[in-house]
Amino acid sequence: MAETNQVNLLEPAQLRQRFSDVRCQTERLAQPLSAEDQTVQSMPDASPAKWHRAHVTWFFETFVLEPHQECFEPYRAEYSYLFNSYYEQVGERFPRPQRGLVSRPGIDDIARYRVATDERVEALIDQADASLLE
């Protein structure tokens, strides 16, 4: 029997739930870490937890929202430089070995960035769901 490559696409409601579950899991993992814990960089090749929380948020903002959200506006323009890891095709990036020196934005600012971006992604998923029903 021939093997087939089959992609299982999620319904928009399932996609929204999976997105929410994954994003909440990250916050649960970060919750016991203090601001200092999230800012420290143990070595030049390992970025701080705070930076990772923001970077993944930047990724969704840059590669999901920007190309698909009508009238897209970035949450903070300076985040495109600060939280870009290695995507040189989308712009300059802050040097990895120095990420532990970044004191601002703080973890509360990162949390607000995550919530705002998550809400925008979920709204985009909901719009896709509504357009499928038309």
C-alpha atoms as a PDB file:
ATOM      1  CA  MET A   1       0.000   0.000   0.000  1.00  0.00           C
ATOM      2  CA  ALA A   2       1.412   3.383  -0.994  1.00  0.00           C
ATOM      3  CA  GLU A   3       2.153   5.855   1.770  1.00  0.00           C
ATOM      4  CA  THR A   4       0.460   9.226   1.419  1.00  0.00           C
ATOM      5  CA  ASN A   5       1.351  12.529   2.951  1.00  0.00           C
ATOM      6  CA  GLN A   6      -1.840  13.783   4.465  1.00  0.00           C
ATOM      7  CA  VAL A   7      -2.204  17.123   6.176  1.00  0.00           C
ATOM      8  CA  ASN A   8      -4.841  17.293   8.855  1.00  0.00           C
ATOM      9  CA  LEU A   9      -6.188  20.817   8.899  1.00  0.00           C
ATOM     10  CA  LEU A  10      -7.848  22.044  12.041  1.00  0.00           C
ATOM     11  CA  GLU A  11     -11.193  23.735  12.080  1.00  0.00           C
ATOM     12  CA  PRO A  12     -10.821  27.418  13.062  1.00  0.00           C
ATOM     13  CA  ALA A  13     -12.307  26.776  16.533  1.00  0.00           C
ATOM     14  CA  GLN A  14      -9.817  23.944  17.103  1.00  0.00           C
ATOM     15  CA  LEU A  15      -6.959  26.097  15.853  1.00  0.00           C
ATOM     16  CA  ARG A  16      -7.983  28.927  18.186  1.00  0.00           C
ATOM     17  CA  GLN A  17      -8.107  26.520  21.146  1.00  0.00           C
ATOM     18  CA  ARG A  18      -4.715  25.000  20.336  1.00  0.00           C
ATOM     19  CA  PHE A  19      -3.188  28.447  19.934  1.00  0.00           C
ATOM     20  CA  SER A  20      -4.634  29.530  23.275  1.00  0.00           C
ATOM     21  CA  ASP A  21      -3.508  26.335  25.027  1.00  0.00           C
ATOM     22  CA  VAL A  22       0.085  26.674  23.839  1.00  0.00           C
ATOM     23  CA  ARG A  23       0.305  30.356  24.703  1.00  0.00           C
ATOM     24  CA  CYS A  24      -1.132  29.706  28.186  1.00  0.00           C
ATOM     25  CA  GLN A  25       1.318  26.869  28.773  1.00  0.00           C
ATOM     26  CA  THR A  26       4.241  29.214  28.141  1.00  0.00           C
ATOM     27  CA  GLU A  27       2.869  31.651  30.698  1.00  0.00           C
ATOM     28  CA  ARG A  28       2.375  28.849  33.238  1.00  0.00           C
ATOM     29  CA  LEU A  29       6.028  27.860  32.774  1.00  0.00           C
ATOM     30  CA  ALA A  30       7.221  31.453  33.175  1.00  0.00           C
ATOM     31  CA  GLN A  31       4.939  32.291  36.108  1.00  0.00           C
ATOM     32  CA  PRO A  32       7.248  31.092  38.927  1.00  0.00           C
ATOM     33  CA  LEU A  33      10.212  33.018  37.470  1.00  0.00           C
ATOM     34  CA  SER A  34      10.953  36.443  38.943  1.00  0.00           C
ATOM     35  CA  ALA A  35      11.763  39.432  36.766  1.00  0.00           C
ATOM     36  CA  GLU A  36      15.436  38.843  37.548  1.00  0.00           C
ATOM     37  CA  ASP A  37      15.162  35.155  36.632  1.00  0.00           C
ATOM     38  CA  GLN A  38      13.632  36.057  33.277  1.00  0.00           C
ATOM     39  CA  THR A  39      16.237  38.712  32.478  1.00  0.00           C
ATOM     40  CA  VAL A  40      19.456  36.864  33.265  1.00  0.00           C
ATOM     41  CA  GLN A  41      21.407  35.354  30.369  1.00  0.00           C
ATOM     42  CA  SER A  42      23.439  32.339  31.459  1.00  0.00           C
ATOM     43  CA  MET A  43      25.646  32.326  28.374  1.00  0.00           C
ATOM     44  CA  PRO A  44      25.960  34.272  25.090  1.00  0.00           C
ATOM     45  CA  ASP A  45      24.249  31.511  23.090  1.00  0.00           C
ATOM     46  CA  ALA A  46      21.186  31.232  25.363  1.00  0.00           C
ATOM     47  CA  SER A  47      18.717  34.107  25.417  1.00  0.00           C
ATOM     48  CA  PRO A  48      16.811  35.092  28.575  1.00  0.00           C
ATOM     49  CA  ALA A  49      13.314  33.719  29.236  1.00  0.00           C
ATOM     50  CA  LYS A  50      11.833  37.229  28.993  1.00  0.00           C
ATOM     51  CA  TRP A  51      13.337  37.642  25.548  1.00  0.00           C
ATOM     52  CA  HIS A  52      11.963  34.272  24.392  1.00  0.00           C
ATOM     53  CA  ARG A  53       8.447  35.164  25.581  1.00  0.00           C
ATOM     54  CA  ALA A  54       8.649  38.361  23.556  1.00  0.00           C
ATOM     55  CA  HIS A  55      10.356  36.772  20.556  1.00  0.00           C
ATOM     56  CA  VAL A  56       7.606  34.210  19.987  1.00  0.00           C
ATOM     57  CA  THR A  57       5.071  37.012  20.305  1.00  0.00           C
ATOM     58  CA  TRP A  58       7.048  39.040  17.744  1.00  0.00           C
ATOM     59  CA  PHE A  59       7.034  35.986  15.474  1.00  0.00           C
ATOM     60  CA  PHE A  60       3.209  35.812  15.518  1.00  0.00           C
ATOM     61  CA  GLU A  61       2.977  39.560  15.020  1.00  0.00           C
ATOM     62  CA  THR A  62       5.454  39.566  12.124  1.00  0.00           C
ATOM     63  CA  PHE A  63       4.578  36.386  10.266  1.00  0.00           C
ATOM     64  CA  VAL A  64       0.878  35.949  11.043  1.00  0.00           C
ATOM     65  CA  LEU A  65      -0.626  39.349  11.757  1.00  0.00           C
ATOM     66  CA  GLU A  66       1.387  41.638   9.492  1.00  0.00           C
ATOM     67  CA  PRO A  67       0.633  39.786   6.251  1.00  0.00           C
ATOM     68  CA  HIS A  68      -2.979  38.925   7.112  1.00  0.00           C
ATOM     69  CA  GLN A  69      -4.434  41.629   9.352  1.00  0.00           C
ATOM     70  CA  GLU A  70      -6.080  44.504   7.546  1.00  0.00           C
ATOM     71  CA  CYS A  71      -4.572  47.879   8.567  1.00  0.00           C
ATOM     72  CA  PHE A  72      -1.804  46.142  10.550  1.00  0.00           C
ATOM     73  CA  GLU A  73       0.009  48.291  13.105  1.00  0.00           C
ATOM     74  CA  PRO A  74       2.875  46.850  15.169  1.00  0.00           C
ATOM     75  CA  TYR A  75       2.421  46.832  18.938  1.00  0.00           C
ATOM     76  CA  ARG A  76       5.724  48.712  19.343  1.00  0.00           C
ATOM     77  CA  ALA A  77       7.864  49.457  16.301  1.00  0.00           C
ATOM     78  CA  GLU A  78      11.103  49.019  18.265  1.00  0.00           C
ATOM     79  CA  TYR A  79      10.185  45.400  19.083  1.00  0.00           C
ATOM     80  CA  SER A  80      10.858  44.415  15.474  1.00  0.00           C
ATOM     81  CA  TYR A  81      14.559  45.041  16.119  1.00  0.00           C
ATOM     82  CA  LEU A  82      14.741  43.976  19.750  1.00  0.00           C
ATOM     83  CA  PHE A  83      13.006  40.596  19.405  1.00  0.00           C
ATOM     84  CA  ASN A  84      14.066  39.503  15.934  1.00  0.00           C
ATOM     85  CA  SER A  85      16.327  36.492  16.389  1.00  0.00           C
ATOM     86  CA  TYR A  86      17.888  35.675  13.037  1.00  0.00           C
ATOM     87  CA  TYR A  87      15.335  36.686  10.407  1.00  0.00           C
ATOM     88  CA  GLU A  88      17.635  39.057   8.565  1.00  0.00           C
ATOM     89  CA  GLN A  89      15.202  39.248   5.636  1.00  0.00           C
ATOM     90  CA  VAL A  90      12.759  41.194   7.849  1.00  0.00           C
ATOM     91  CA  GLY A  91      15.310  43.585   9.336  1.00  0.00           C
ATOM     92  CA  GLU A  92      18.137  44.186  11.742  1.00  0.00           C
ATOM     93  CA  ARG A  93      18.331  42.321  15.017  1.00  0.00           C
ATOM     94  CA  PHE A  94      19.632  42.921  18.507  1.00  0.00           C
ATOM     95  CA  PRO A  95      22.862  40.964  19.162  1.00  0.00           C
ATOM     96  CA  ARG A  96      22.173  37.640  20.927  1.00  0.00           C
ATOM     97  CA  PRO A  97      25.116  37.839  23.368  1.00  0.00           C
ATOM     98  CA  GLN A  98      23.756  41.148  24.730  1.00  0.00           C
ATOM     99  CA  ARG A  99      20.100  40.181  25.269  1.00  0.00           C
ATOM    100  CA  GLY A 100      20.672  39.731  29.004  1.00  0.00           C
ATOM    101  CA  LEU A 101      21.617  43.410  29.208  1.00  0.00           C
ATOM    102  CA  VAL A 102      18.147  44.531  28.114  1.00  0.00           C
ATOM    103  CA  SER A 103      16.254  45.717  31.190  1.00  0.00           C
ATOM    104  CA  ARG A 104      13.337  47.266  29.305  1.00  0.00           C
ATOM    105  CA  PRO A 105      10.743  46.295  28.352  1.00  0.00           C
ATOM    106  CA  GLY A 106      10.090  44.582  31.666  1.00  0.00           C
ATOM    107  CA  ILE A 107       8.178  41.357  32.181  1.00  0.00           C
ATOM    108  CA  ASP A 108       4.907  43.225  32.764  1.00  0.00           C
ATOM    109  CA  ASP A 109       5.340  44.983  29.413  1.00  0.00           C
ATOM    110  CA  ILE A 110       6.101  41.650  27.760  1.00  0.00           C
ATOM    111  CA  ALA A 111       2.964  40.155  29.325  1.00  0.00           C
ATOM    112  CA  ARG A 112       0.856  43.018  27.914  1.00  0.00           C
ATOM    113  CA  TYR A 113       2.486  42.554  24.500  1.00  0.00           C
ATOM    114  CA  ARG A 114       1.663  38.851  24.591  1.00  0.00           C
ATOM    115  CA  VAL A 115      -1.977  39.428  25.601  1.00  0.00           C
ATOM    116  CA  ALA A 116      -2.519  42.107  22.949  1.00  0.00           C
ATOM    117  CA  THR A 117      -0.920  39.993  20.214  1.00  0.00           C
ATOM    118  CA  ASP A 118      -2.751  36.845  21.271  1.00  0.00           C
ATOM    119  CA  GLU A 119      -6.073  38.703  21.129  1.00  0.00           C
ATOM    120  CA  ARG A 120      -5.257  39.930  17.623  1.00  0.00           C
ATOM    121  CA  VAL A 121      -4.296  36.440  16.421  1.00  0.00           C
ATOM    122  CA  GLU A 122      -7.460  34.949  17.944  1.00  0.00           C
ATOM    123  CA  ALA A 123      -9.548  37.653  16.236  1.00  0.00           C
ATOM    124  CA  LEU A 124      -7.859  36.793  12.935  1.00  0.00           C
ATOM    125  CA  ILE A 125      -8.718  33.131  13.447  1.00  0.00           C
ATOM    126  CA  ASP A 126     -12.311  34.115  14.275  1.00  0.00           C
ATOM    127  CA  GLN A 127     -12.481  36.194  11.073  1.00  0.00           C
ATOM    128  CA  ALA A 128     -11.274  33.197   9.095  1.00  0.00           C
ATOM    129  CA  ASP A 129     -13.968  31.112  10.780  1.00  0.00           C
ATOM    130  CA  ALA A 130     -16.656  33.645   9.890  1.00  0.00           C
ATOM    131  CA  SER A 131     -15.470  33.927   6.266  1.00  0.00           C
ATOM    132  CA  LEU A 132     -15.654  30.142   5.902  1.00  0.00           C
ATOM    133  CA  LEU A 133     -19.310  30.247   6.941  1.00  0.00           C
ATOM    134  CA  GLU A 134     -20.296  32.859   4.351  1.00  0.00           C
END
